[in-house]
Every structure is written in C-alpha cells, then in structure tokens.
PDB file of all heavy atoms in Angstrom:
ATOM      1  N   GLN A   1     -15.226   9.023  19.701  1.00  0.00           N
ATOM      2  CA  GLN A   1     -16.080  10.116  19.838  1.00  0.00           C
ATOM      3  C   GLN A   1     -15.286  11.438  20.088  1.00  0.00           C
ATOM      4  O   GLN A   1     -15.786  12.509  19.916  1.00  0.00           O
ATOM      5  CB  GLN A   1     -17.058   9.966  20.999  1.00  0.00           C
ATOM      6  CG  GLN A   1     -17.965   8.854  20.795  1.00  0.00           C
ATOM      7  CD  GLN A   1     -18.874   8.537  21.961  1.00  0.00           C
ATOM      8  OE1 GLN A   1     -18.812   9.251  23.050  1.00  0.00           O
ATOM      9  NE2 GLN A   1     -19.805   7.525  21.943  1.00  0.00           N
ATOM     10  N   THR A   2     -13.862  11.250  20.372  1.00  0.00           N
ATOM     11  CA  THR A   2     -13.097  12.367  20.467  1.00  0.00           C
ATOM     12  C   THR A   2     -12.558  12.816  19.032  1.00  0.00           C
ATOM     13  O   THR A   2     -12.077  11.932  18.268  1.00  0.00           O
ATOM     14  CB  THR A   2     -11.757  12.034  21.234  1.00  0.00           C
ATOM     15  OG1 THR A   2     -12.224  11.632  22.597  1.00  0.00           O
ATOM     16  CG2 THR A   2     -10.930  13.250  21.427  1.00  0.00           C
ATOM     17  N   THR A   3     -12.773  13.995  18.707  1.00  0.00           N
ATOM     18  CA  THR A   3     -12.496  14.474  17.332  1.00  0.00           C
ATOM     19  C   THR A   3     -11.092  14.225  16.960  1.00  0.00           C
ATOM     20  O   THR A   3     -10.730  13.947  15.766  1.00  0.00           O
ATOM     21  CB  THR A   3     -12.895  15.915  17.204  1.00  0.00           C
ATOM     22  OG1 THR A   3     -12.154  16.682  18.181  1.00  0.00           O
ATOM     23  CG2 THR A   3     -14.263  16.127  17.387  1.00  0.00           C
ATOM     24  N   ALA A   4     -10.099  14.437  17.877  1.00  0.00           N
ATOM     25  CA  ALA A   4      -8.666  14.234  17.573  1.00  0.00           C
ATOM     26  C   ALA A   4      -8.439  12.890  17.228  1.00  0.00           C
ATOM     27  O   ALA A   4      -7.673  12.479  16.343  1.00  0.00           O
ATOM     28  CB  ALA A   4      -7.805  14.690  18.707  1.00  0.00           C
ATOM     29  N   VAL A   5      -8.911  11.845  18.093  1.00  0.00           N
ATOM     30  CA  VAL A   5      -8.706  10.465  17.890  1.00  0.00           C
ATOM     31  C   VAL A   5      -9.317  10.026  16.477  1.00  0.00           C
ATOM     32  O   VAL A   5      -8.705   9.346  15.704  1.00  0.00           O
ATOM     33  CB  VAL A   5      -9.248   9.551  19.002  1.00  0.00           C
ATOM     34  CG1 VAL A   5      -9.230   8.084  18.723  1.00  0.00           C
ATOM     35  CG2 VAL A   5      -8.537   9.918  20.289  1.00  0.00           C
ATOM     36  N   TYR A   6     -10.559  10.476  16.241  1.00  0.00           N
ATOM     37  CA  TYR A   6     -11.233  10.064  15.054  1.00  0.00           C
ATOM     38  C   TYR A   6     -10.405  10.716  13.809  1.00  0.00           C
ATOM     39  O   TYR A   6     -10.192   9.955  12.778  1.00  0.00           O
ATOM     40  CB  TYR A   6     -12.662  10.812  15.067  1.00  0.00           C
ATOM     41  CG  TYR A   6     -13.408  10.446  13.717  1.00  0.00           C
ATOM     42  CD1 TYR A   6     -14.112   9.238  13.610  1.00  0.00           C
ATOM     43  CD2 TYR A   6     -13.487  11.341  12.605  1.00  0.00           C
ATOM     44  CE1 TYR A   6     -14.817   8.909  12.469  1.00  0.00           C
ATOM     45  CE2 TYR A   6     -14.225  11.003  11.518  1.00  0.00           C
ATOM     46  CZ  TYR A   6     -14.872   9.780  11.457  1.00  0.00           C
ATOM     47  OH  TYR A   6     -15.598   9.587  10.250  1.00  0.00           O
ATOM     48  N   ALA A   7      -9.927  11.803  13.928  1.00  0.00           N
ATOM     49  CA  ALA A   7      -9.143  12.524  12.822  1.00  0.00           C
ATOM     50  C   ALA A   7      -7.846  11.786  12.595  1.00  0.00           C
ATOM     51  O   ALA A   7      -7.474  11.427  11.478  1.00  0.00           O
ATOM     52  CB  ALA A   7      -8.838  14.002  13.148  1.00  0.00           C
ATOM     53  N   CYS A   8      -7.066  11.400  13.614  1.00  0.00           N
ATOM     54  CA  CYS A   8      -5.871  10.652  13.512  1.00  0.00           C
ATOM     55  C   CYS A   8      -5.983   9.246  12.863  1.00  0.00           C
ATOM     56  O   CYS A   8      -5.326   8.892  12.008  1.00  0.00           O
ATOM     57  CB  CYS A   8      -5.074  10.505  14.862  1.00  0.00           C
ATOM     58  SG  CYS A   8      -4.498  12.153  15.535  1.00  0.00           S
ATOM     59  N   VAL A   9      -7.050   8.523  13.439  1.00  0.00           N
ATOM     60  CA  VAL A   9      -7.342   7.209  12.956  1.00  0.00           C
ATOM     61  C   VAL A   9      -7.700   7.352  11.438  1.00  0.00           C
ATOM     62  O   VAL A   9      -7.286   6.457  10.663  1.00  0.00           O
ATOM     63  CB  VAL A   9      -8.499   6.530  13.738  1.00  0.00           C
ATOM     64  CG1 VAL A   9      -8.907   5.213  13.076  1.00  0.00           C
ATOM     65  CG2 VAL A   9      -7.939   6.255  15.094  1.00  0.00           C
ATOM     66  N   ARG A  10      -8.540   8.220  11.055  1.00  0.00           N
ATOM     67  CA  ARG A  10      -8.945   8.430   9.781  1.00  0.00           C
ATOM     68  C   ARG A  10      -7.852   8.787   8.812  1.00  0.00           C
ATOM     69  O   ARG A  10      -7.720   8.246   7.729  1.00  0.00           O
ATOM     70  CB  ARG A  10     -10.057   9.460   9.662  1.00  0.00           C
ATOM     71  CG  ARG A  10     -10.682   9.632   8.274  1.00  0.00           C
ATOM     72  CD  ARG A  10     -11.884  10.613   8.173  1.00  0.00           C
ATOM     73  NE  ARG A  10     -12.394  10.747   6.884  1.00  0.00           N
ATOM     74  CZ  ARG A  10     -13.432  11.582   6.583  1.00  0.00           C
ATOM     75  NH1 ARG A  10     -13.992  12.276   7.498  1.00  0.00           N
ATOM     76  NH2 ARG A  10     -13.863  11.636   5.269  1.00  0.00           N
ATOM     77  N   ILE A  11      -6.953   9.697   9.227  1.00  0.00           N
ATOM     78  CA  ILE A  11      -5.774  10.114   8.398  1.00  0.00           C
ATOM     79  C   ILE A  11      -4.927   8.962   8.060  1.00  0.00           C
ATOM     80  O   ILE A  11      -4.568   8.650   7.048  1.00  0.00           O
ATOM     81  CB  ILE A  11      -5.007  11.254   9.079  1.00  0.00           C
ATOM     82  CG1 ILE A  11      -5.926  12.480   9.070  1.00  0.00           C
ATOM     83  CG2 ILE A  11      -3.727  11.467   8.401  1.00  0.00           C
ATOM     84  CD1 ILE A  11      -5.226  13.641   9.957  1.00  0.00           C
ATOM     85  N   LEU A  12      -4.517   8.104   9.082  1.00  0.00           N
ATOM     86  CA  LEU A  12      -3.646   7.010   8.914  1.00  0.00           C
ATOM     87  C   LEU A  12      -4.352   5.797   8.123  1.00  0.00           C
ATOM     88  O   LEU A  12      -3.696   5.245   7.252  1.00  0.00           O
ATOM     89  CB  LEU A  12      -3.182   6.491  10.279  1.00  0.00           C
ATOM     90  CG  LEU A  12      -2.229   7.448  11.028  1.00  0.00           C
ATOM     91  CD1 LEU A  12      -1.910   7.014  12.404  1.00  0.00           C
ATOM     92  CD2 LEU A  12      -0.902   7.569  10.289  1.00  0.00           C
ATOM     93  N   ALA A  13      -5.529   5.579   8.435  1.00  0.00           N
ATOM     94  CA  ALA A  13      -6.303   4.542   7.724  1.00  0.00           C
ATOM     95  C   ALA A  13      -6.504   4.829   6.283  1.00  0.00           C
ATOM     96  O   ALA A  13      -6.303   3.957   5.387  1.00  0.00           O
ATOM     97  CB  ALA A  13      -7.628   4.273   8.489  1.00  0.00           C
ATOM     98  N   GLU A  14      -6.816   5.986   5.976  1.00  0.00           N
ATOM     99  CA  GLU A  14      -7.039   6.326   4.611  1.00  0.00           C
ATOM    100  C   GLU A  14      -5.715   6.474   3.728  1.00  0.00           C
ATOM    101  O   GLU A  14      -5.661   6.264   2.596  1.00  0.00           O
ATOM    102  CB  GLU A  14      -7.819   7.701   4.527  1.00  0.00           C
ATOM    103  CG  GLU A  14      -9.270   7.637   4.922  1.00  0.00           C
ATOM    104  CD  GLU A  14      -9.958   8.900   4.889  1.00  0.00           C
ATOM    105  OE1 GLU A  14      -9.309   9.984   4.755  1.00  0.00           O
ATOM    106  OE2 GLU A  14     -11.245   8.936   5.049  1.00  0.00           O
ATOM    107  N   ALA A  15      -4.618   6.869   4.477  1.00  0.00           N
ATOM    108  CA  ALA A  15      -3.386   7.030   3.893  1.00  0.00           C
ATOM    109  C   ALA A  15      -2.900   5.692   3.428  1.00  0.00           C
ATOM    110  O   ALA A  15      -2.370   5.450   2.340  1.00  0.00           O
ATOM    111  CB  ALA A  15      -2.363   7.682   4.818  1.00  0.00           C
ATOM    112  N   ILE A  16      -2.915   4.636   4.298  1.00  0.00           N
ATOM    113  CA  ILE A  16      -2.628   3.264   4.068  1.00  0.00           C
ATOM    114  C   ILE A  16      -3.400   2.670   2.987  1.00  0.00           C
ATOM    115  O   ILE A  16      -3.050   1.925   2.118  1.00  0.00           O
ATOM    116  CB  ILE A  16      -2.578   2.394   5.229  1.00  0.00           C
ATOM    117  CG1 ILE A  16      -1.481   2.880   6.242  1.00  0.00           C
ATOM    118  CG2 ILE A  16      -2.433   0.956   4.884  1.00  0.00           C
ATOM    119  CD1 ILE A  16      -0.012   2.695   5.810  1.00  0.00           C
ATOM    120  N   ALA A  17      -4.795   2.953   3.056  1.00  0.00           N
ATOM    121  CA  ALA A  17      -5.710   2.393   2.156  1.00  0.00           C
ATOM    122  C   ALA A  17      -5.516   2.976   0.717  1.00  0.00           C
ATOM    123  O   ALA A  17      -5.786   2.335  -0.256  1.00  0.00           O
ATOM    124  CB  ALA A  17      -7.155   2.628   2.700  1.00  0.00           C
ATOM    125  N   GLY A  18      -5.114   4.104   0.681  1.00  0.00           N
ATOM    126  CA  GLY A  18      -4.943   4.759  -0.680  1.00  0.00           C
ATOM    127  C   GLY A  18      -3.741   4.623  -1.427  1.00  0.00           C
ATOM    128  O   GLY A  18      -3.531   5.004  -2.557  1.00  0.00           O
ATOM    129  N   LEU A  19      -2.655   4.053  -0.682  1.00  0.00           N
ATOM    130  CA  LEU A  19      -1.434   3.766  -1.332  1.00  0.00           C
ATOM    131  C   LEU A  19      -1.520   2.648  -2.368  1.00  0.00           C
ATOM    132  O   LEU A  19      -2.208   1.671  -2.143  1.00  0.00           O
ATOM    133  CB  LEU A  19      -0.400   3.372  -0.279  1.00  0.00           C
ATOM    134  CG  LEU A  19       0.114   4.473   0.642  1.00  0.00           C
ATOM    135  CD1 LEU A  19       1.070   3.916   1.640  1.00  0.00           C
ATOM    136  CD2 LEU A  19       0.708   5.610  -0.112  1.00  0.00           C
ATOM    137  N   PRO A  20      -0.855   2.705  -3.545  1.00  0.00           N
ATOM    138  CA  PRO A  20      -0.836   1.629  -4.500  1.00  0.00           C
ATOM    139  C   PRO A  20      -0.147   0.454  -3.903  1.00  0.00           C
ATOM    140  O   PRO A  20       0.953   0.663  -3.307  1.00  0.00           O
ATOM    141  CB  PRO A  20      -0.052   2.293  -5.671  1.00  0.00           C
ATOM    142  CG  PRO A  20      -0.259   3.661  -5.644  1.00  0.00           C
ATOM    143  CD  PRO A  20      -0.248   4.005  -4.021  1.00  0.00           C
ATOM    144  N   LEU A  21      -0.771  -0.715  -4.084  1.00  0.00           N
ATOM    145  CA  LEU A  21      -0.170  -1.951  -3.488  1.00  0.00           C
ATOM    146  C   LEU A  21      -0.039  -2.938  -4.632  1.00  0.00           C
ATOM    147  O   LEU A  21      -1.033  -3.401  -5.269  1.00  0.00           O
ATOM    148  CB  LEU A  21      -1.065  -2.516  -2.416  1.00  0.00           C
ATOM    149  CG  LEU A  21      -0.657  -3.838  -1.727  1.00  0.00           C
ATOM    150  CD1 LEU A  21       0.720  -3.648  -1.143  1.00  0.00           C
ATOM    151  CD2 LEU A  21      -1.706  -4.228  -0.756  1.00  0.00           C
ATOM    152  N   HIS A  22       1.109  -3.466  -4.909  1.00  0.00           N
ATOM    153  CA  HIS A  22       1.528  -4.318  -6.101  1.00  0.00           C
ATOM    154  C   HIS A  22       2.319  -5.564  -5.545  1.00  0.00           C
ATOM    155  O   HIS A  22       2.865  -5.484  -4.539  1.00  0.00           O
ATOM    156  CB  HIS A  22       2.175  -3.573  -7.202  1.00  0.00           C
ATOM    157  CG  HIS A  22       1.589  -2.258  -7.588  1.00  0.00           C
ATOM    158  ND1 HIS A  22       0.338  -2.408  -8.283  1.00  0.00           N
ATOM    159  CD2 HIS A  22       1.818  -0.976  -7.602  1.00  0.00           C
ATOM    160  CE1 HIS A  22       0.003  -1.194  -8.624  1.00  0.00           C
ATOM    161  NE2 HIS A  22       0.807  -0.276  -8.169  1.00  0.00           N
ATOM    162  N   VAL A  23       2.264  -6.553  -6.448  1.00  0.00           N
ATOM    163  CA  VAL A  23       3.058  -7.657  -6.262  1.00  0.00           C
ATOM    164  C   VAL A  23       4.224  -7.710  -7.343  1.00  0.00           C
ATOM    165  O   VAL A  23       3.940  -7.494  -8.560  1.00  0.00           O
ATOM    166  CB  VAL A  23       2.244  -9.082  -6.472  1.00  0.00           C
ATOM    167  CG1 VAL A  23       3.050 -10.308  -6.264  1.00  0.00           C
ATOM    168  CG2 VAL A  23       0.995  -9.022  -5.523  1.00  0.00           C
ATOM    169  N   TYR A  24       5.420  -7.925  -6.864  1.00  0.00           N
ATOM    170  CA  TYR A  24       6.529  -7.761  -7.713  1.00  0.00           C
ATOM    171  C   TYR A  24       7.390  -9.163  -7.728  1.00  0.00           C
ATOM    172  O   TYR A  24       7.176  -9.975  -6.759  1.00  0.00           O
ATOM    173  CB  TYR A  24       7.548  -6.652  -7.308  1.00  0.00           C
ATOM    174  CG  TYR A  24       6.940  -5.385  -7.426  1.00  0.00           C
ATOM    175  CD1 TYR A  24       6.200  -4.705  -6.300  1.00  0.00           C
ATOM    176  CD2 TYR A  24       7.022  -4.573  -8.590  1.00  0.00           C
ATOM    177  CE1 TYR A  24       5.720  -3.427  -6.371  1.00  0.00           C
ATOM    178  CE2 TYR A  24       6.490  -3.323  -8.631  1.00  0.00           C
ATOM    179  CZ  TYR A  24       5.888  -2.744  -7.574  1.00  0.00           C
ATOM    180  OH  TYR A  24       5.320  -1.447  -7.741  1.00  0.00           O
ATOM    181  N   ARG A  25       8.180  -9.261  -8.770  1.00  0.00           N
ATOM    182  CA  ARG A  25       9.100 -10.451  -8.884  1.00  0.00           C
ATOM    183  C   ARG A  25      10.525  -9.925  -9.135  1.00  0.00           C
ATOM    184  O   ARG A  25      10.707  -8.927  -9.877  1.00  0.00           O
ATOM    185  CB  ARG A  25       8.682 -11.250  -9.984  1.00  0.00           C
ATOM    186  CG  ARG A  25       9.673 -12.549 -10.204  1.00  0.00           C
ATOM    187  CD  ARG A  25       9.436 -13.278 -11.546  1.00  0.00           C
ATOM    188  NE  ARG A  25       8.191 -14.048 -11.469  1.00  0.00           N
ATOM    189  CZ  ARG A  25       7.159 -13.875 -12.310  1.00  0.00           C
ATOM    190  NH1 ARG A  25       7.230 -12.835 -13.268  1.00  0.00           N
ATOM    191  NH2 ARG A  25       6.141 -14.526 -12.227  1.00  0.00           N
ATOM    192  N   TYR A  26      11.479 -10.624  -8.410  1.00  0.00           N
ATOM    193  CA  TYR A  26      12.874 -10.203  -8.606  1.00  0.00           C
ATOM    194  C   TYR A  26      13.321 -10.708 -10.045  1.00  0.00           C
ATOM    195  O   TYR A  26      13.110 -11.849 -10.434  1.00  0.00           O
ATOM    196  CB  TYR A  26      13.834 -10.776  -7.539  1.00  0.00           C
ATOM    197  CG  TYR A  26      13.613 -10.109  -6.220  1.00  0.00           C
ATOM    198  CD1 TYR A  26      12.968 -10.898  -5.153  1.00  0.00           C
ATOM    199  CD2 TYR A  26      14.006  -8.870  -5.944  1.00  0.00           C
ATOM    200  CE1 TYR A  26      12.798 -10.380  -3.905  1.00  0.00           C
ATOM    201  CE2 TYR A  26      13.869  -8.304  -4.767  1.00  0.00           C
ATOM    202  CZ  TYR A  26      13.194  -9.058  -3.648  1.00  0.00           C
ATOM    203  OH  TYR A  26      13.100  -8.500  -2.446  1.00  0.00           O
ATOM    204  N   ARG A  27      14.006  -9.847 -10.807  1.00  0.00           N
ATOM    205  CA  ARG A  27      14.586 -10.335 -12.101  1.00  0.00           C
ATOM    206  C   ARG A  27      16.029 -10.823 -11.906  1.00  0.00           C
ATOM    207  O   ARG A  27      16.678 -10.388 -10.857  1.00  0.00           O
ATOM    208  CB  ARG A  27      14.539  -9.162 -13.069  1.00  0.00           C
ATOM    209  CG  ARG A  27      13.137  -8.685 -13.391  1.00  0.00           C
ATOM    210  CD  ARG A  27      13.112  -7.610 -14.584  1.00  0.00           C
ATOM    211  NE  ARG A  27      13.942  -6.584 -14.471  1.00  0.00           N
ATOM    212  CZ  ARG A  27      13.898  -5.560 -15.103  1.00  0.00           C
ATOM    213  NH1 ARG A  27      13.018  -5.285 -16.085  1.00  0.00           N
ATOM    214  NH2 ARG A  27      14.857  -4.481 -14.909  1.00  0.00           N
ATOM    215  N   LEU A  28      16.495 -11.459 -12.862  1.00  0.00           N
ATOM    216  CA  LEU A  28      17.873 -11.994 -12.840  1.00  0.00           C
ATOM    217  C   LEU A  28      18.873 -10.838 -12.866  1.00  0.00           C
ATOM    218  O   LEU A  28      20.044 -11.014 -12.228  1.00  0.00           O
ATOM    219  CB  LEU A  28      18.156 -12.903 -14.051  1.00  0.00           C
ATOM    220  CG  LEU A  28      17.193 -14.155 -13.960  1.00  0.00           C
ATOM    221  CD1 LEU A  28      17.537 -15.052 -15.218  1.00  0.00           C
ATOM    222  CD2 LEU A  28      17.421 -14.969 -12.683  1.00  0.00           C
ATOM    223  N   ASP A  29      18.608  -9.728 -13.463  1.00  0.00           N
ATOM    224  CA  ASP A  29      19.493  -8.628 -13.593  1.00  0.00           C
ATOM    225  C   ASP A  29      19.595  -7.708 -12.254  1.00  0.00           C
ATOM    226  O   ASP A  29      20.198  -6.633 -12.257  1.00  0.00           O
ATOM    227  CB  ASP A  29      19.291  -7.728 -14.806  1.00  0.00           C
ATOM    228  CG  ASP A  29      17.897  -7.236 -14.761  1.00  0.00           C
ATOM    229  OD1 ASP A  29      17.084  -7.522 -13.848  1.00  0.00           O
ATOM    230  OD2 ASP A  29      17.558  -6.409 -15.686  1.00  0.00           O
ATOM    231  N   GLY A  30      18.807  -8.183 -11.232  1.00  0.00           N
ATOM    232  CA  GLY A  30      18.823  -7.418 -10.032  1.00  0.00           C
ATOM    233  C   GLY A  30      17.623  -6.494  -9.939  1.00  0.00           C
ATOM    234  O   GLY A  30      17.412  -5.940  -8.854  1.00  0.00           O
ATOM    235  N   GLY A  31      16.872  -6.263 -10.959  1.00  0.00           N
ATOM    236  CA  GLY A  31      15.697  -5.314 -11.014  1.00  0.00           C
ATOM    237  C   GLY A  31      14.445  -6.033 -10.478  1.00  0.00           C
ATOM    238  O   GLY A  31      14.457  -7.101  -9.917  1.00  0.00           O
ATOM    239  N   LYS A  32      13.370  -5.431 -10.673  1.00  0.00           N
ATOM    240  CA  LYS A  32      12.033  -5.945 -10.285  1.00  0.00           C
ATOM    241  C   LYS A  32      10.958  -5.684 -11.436  1.00  0.00           C
ATOM    242  O   LYS A  32      11.164  -4.741 -12.215  1.00  0.00           O
ATOM    243  CB  LYS A  32      11.591  -5.347  -8.913  1.00  0.00           C
ATOM    244  CG  LYS A  32      11.324  -3.833  -9.080  1.00  0.00           C
ATOM    245  CD  LYS A  32      10.871  -3.323  -7.685  1.00  0.00           C
ATOM    246  CE  LYS A  32      10.553  -1.798  -7.780  1.00  0.00           C
ATOM    247  NZ  LYS A  32      10.217  -1.205  -6.540  1.00  0.00           N
ATOM    248  N   GLU A  33       9.952  -6.461 -11.412  1.00  0.00           N
ATOM    249  CA  GLU A  33       8.810  -6.217 -12.353  1.00  0.00           C
ATOM    250  C   GLU A  33       7.646  -6.556 -11.691  1.00  0.00           C
ATOM    251  O   GLU A  33       7.463  -7.445 -10.886  1.00  0.00           O
ATOM    252  CB  GLU A  33       9.076  -7.122 -13.666  1.00  0.00           C
ATOM    253  CG  GLU A  33       9.100  -8.630 -13.337  1.00  0.00           C
ATOM    254  CD  GLU A  33       9.261  -9.462 -14.642  1.00  0.00           C
ATOM    255  OE1 GLU A  33       9.159  -8.850 -15.591  1.00  0.00           O
ATOM    256  OE2 GLU A  33       9.499 -10.696 -14.491  1.00  0.00           O
ATOM    257  N   ARG A  34       6.564  -5.846 -12.075  1.00  0.00           N
ATOM    258  CA  ARG A  34       5.258  -6.054 -11.544  1.00  0.00           C
ATOM    259  C   ARG A  34       4.652  -7.324 -12.092  1.00  0.00           C
ATOM    260  O   ARG A  34       4.628  -7.500 -13.341  1.00  0.00           O
ATOM    261  CB  ARG A  34       4.382  -4.772 -11.794  1.00  0.00           C
ATOM    262  CG  ARG A  34       3.161  -4.717 -11.041  1.00  0.00           C
ATOM    263  CD  ARG A  34       2.269  -3.500 -11.446  1.00  0.00           C
ATOM    264  NE  ARG A  34       3.026  -2.379 -11.169  1.00  0.00           N
ATOM    265  CZ  ARG A  34       2.586  -1.104 -11.535  1.00  0.00           C
ATOM    266  NH1 ARG A  34       1.440  -0.946 -12.203  1.00  0.00           N
ATOM    267  NH2 ARG A  34       3.383  -0.050 -11.278  1.00  0.00           N
ATOM    268  N   ILE A  35       3.945  -8.069 -11.297  1.00  0.00           N
ATOM    269  CA  ILE A  35       3.247  -9.283 -11.821  1.00  0.00           C
ATOM    270  C   ILE A  35       1.749  -9.093 -11.720  1.00  0.00           C
ATOM    271  O   ILE A  35       1.188  -9.316 -10.553  1.00  0.00           O
ATOM    272  CB  ILE A  35       3.672 -10.516 -10.971  1.00  0.00           C
ATOM    273  CG1 ILE A  35       5.132 -10.533 -10.753  1.00  0.00           C
ATOM    274  CG2 ILE A  35       3.209 -11.774 -11.651  1.00  0.00           C
ATOM    275  CD1 ILE A  35       5.579 -11.642  -9.827  1.00  0.00           C
ATOM    276  N   ALA A  36       1.116  -8.581 -12.729  1.00  0.00           N
ATOM    277  CA  ALA A  36      -0.319  -8.387 -12.672  1.00  0.00           C
ATOM    278  C   ALA A  36      -1.048  -9.667 -12.788  1.00  0.00           C
ATOM    279  O   ALA A  36      -2.339  -9.660 -12.440  1.00  0.00           O
ATOM    280  CB  ALA A  36      -0.660  -7.403 -13.750  1.00  0.00           C
ATOM    281  N   GLN A  37      -0.474 -10.680 -13.196  1.00  0.00           N
ATOM    282  CA  GLN A  37      -1.178 -12.009 -13.378  1.00  0.00           C
ATOM    283  C   GLN A  37      -1.180 -12.762 -12.094  1.00  0.00           C
ATOM    284  O   GLN A  37      -1.860 -13.842 -12.022  1.00  0.00           O
ATOM    285  CB  GLN A  37      -0.537 -12.831 -14.519  1.00  0.00           C
ATOM    286  CG  GLN A  37      -0.658 -12.208 -15.890  1.00  0.00           C
ATOM    287  CD  GLN A  37       0.358 -11.004 -16.134  1.00  0.00           C
ATOM    288  OE1 GLN A  37       1.393 -10.873 -15.379  1.00  0.00           O
ATOM    289  NE2 GLN A  37       0.097 -10.080 -17.120  1.00  0.00           N
ATOM    290  N   HIS A  38      -0.448 -12.361 -11.171  1.00  0.00           N
ATOM    291  CA  HIS A  38      -0.376 -13.194  -9.856  1.00  0.00           C
ATOM    292  C   HIS A  38      -1.788 -13.082  -9.132  1.00  0.00           C
ATOM    293  O   HIS A  38      -2.403 -12.093  -9.092  1.00  0.00           O
ATOM    294  CB  HIS A  38       0.720 -12.584  -8.904  1.00  0.00           C
ATOM    295  CG  HIS A  38       1.065 -13.659  -7.774  1.00  0.00           C
ATOM    296  ND1 HIS A  38       0.396 -13.790  -6.706  1.00  0.00           N
ATOM    297  CD2 HIS A  38       2.104 -14.546  -7.851  1.00  0.00           C
ATOM    298  CE1 HIS A  38       0.994 -14.675  -5.975  1.00  0.00           C
ATOM    299  NE2 HIS A  38       2.061 -15.185  -6.592  1.00  0.00           N
ATOM    300  N   PRO A  39      -2.269 -14.320  -8.554  1.00  0.00           N
ATOM    301  CA  PRO A  39      -3.586 -14.253  -7.937  1.00  0.00           C
ATOM    302  C   PRO A  39      -3.665 -13.175  -6.765  1.00  0.00           C
ATOM    303  O   PRO A  39      -4.695 -12.586  -6.646  1.00  0.00           O
ATOM    304  CB  PRO A  39      -3.707 -15.678  -7.436  1.00  0.00           C
ATOM    305  CG  PRO A  39      -2.796 -16.449  -8.217  1.00  0.00           C
ATOM    306  CD  PRO A  39      -1.615 -15.547  -8.655  1.00  0.00           C
TER     307      PRO A  39
END
C-alpha cells in the first residue's frame, strides 16, 4: 500500500519478466547456439 514499495516491486518484477529468456547449448568451437527445440 506504500507507493514507493509498490513502485520498486513493480519495476524489478516487470524488468525481470520482460527480459528475453532462452536455452543455449555449448558448441565444440567454444561458441553457443540457441536451442528452440528444447522442451
């Protein structure tokens, strides 16, 4: 009910929720590749 607490919680929660989240696999050459087929 405190506006500052509500604002801080909303900022951090929405920032984490809005970030792209992917699954990657390490390649033999040291790079990485996105695995869209992973469950």
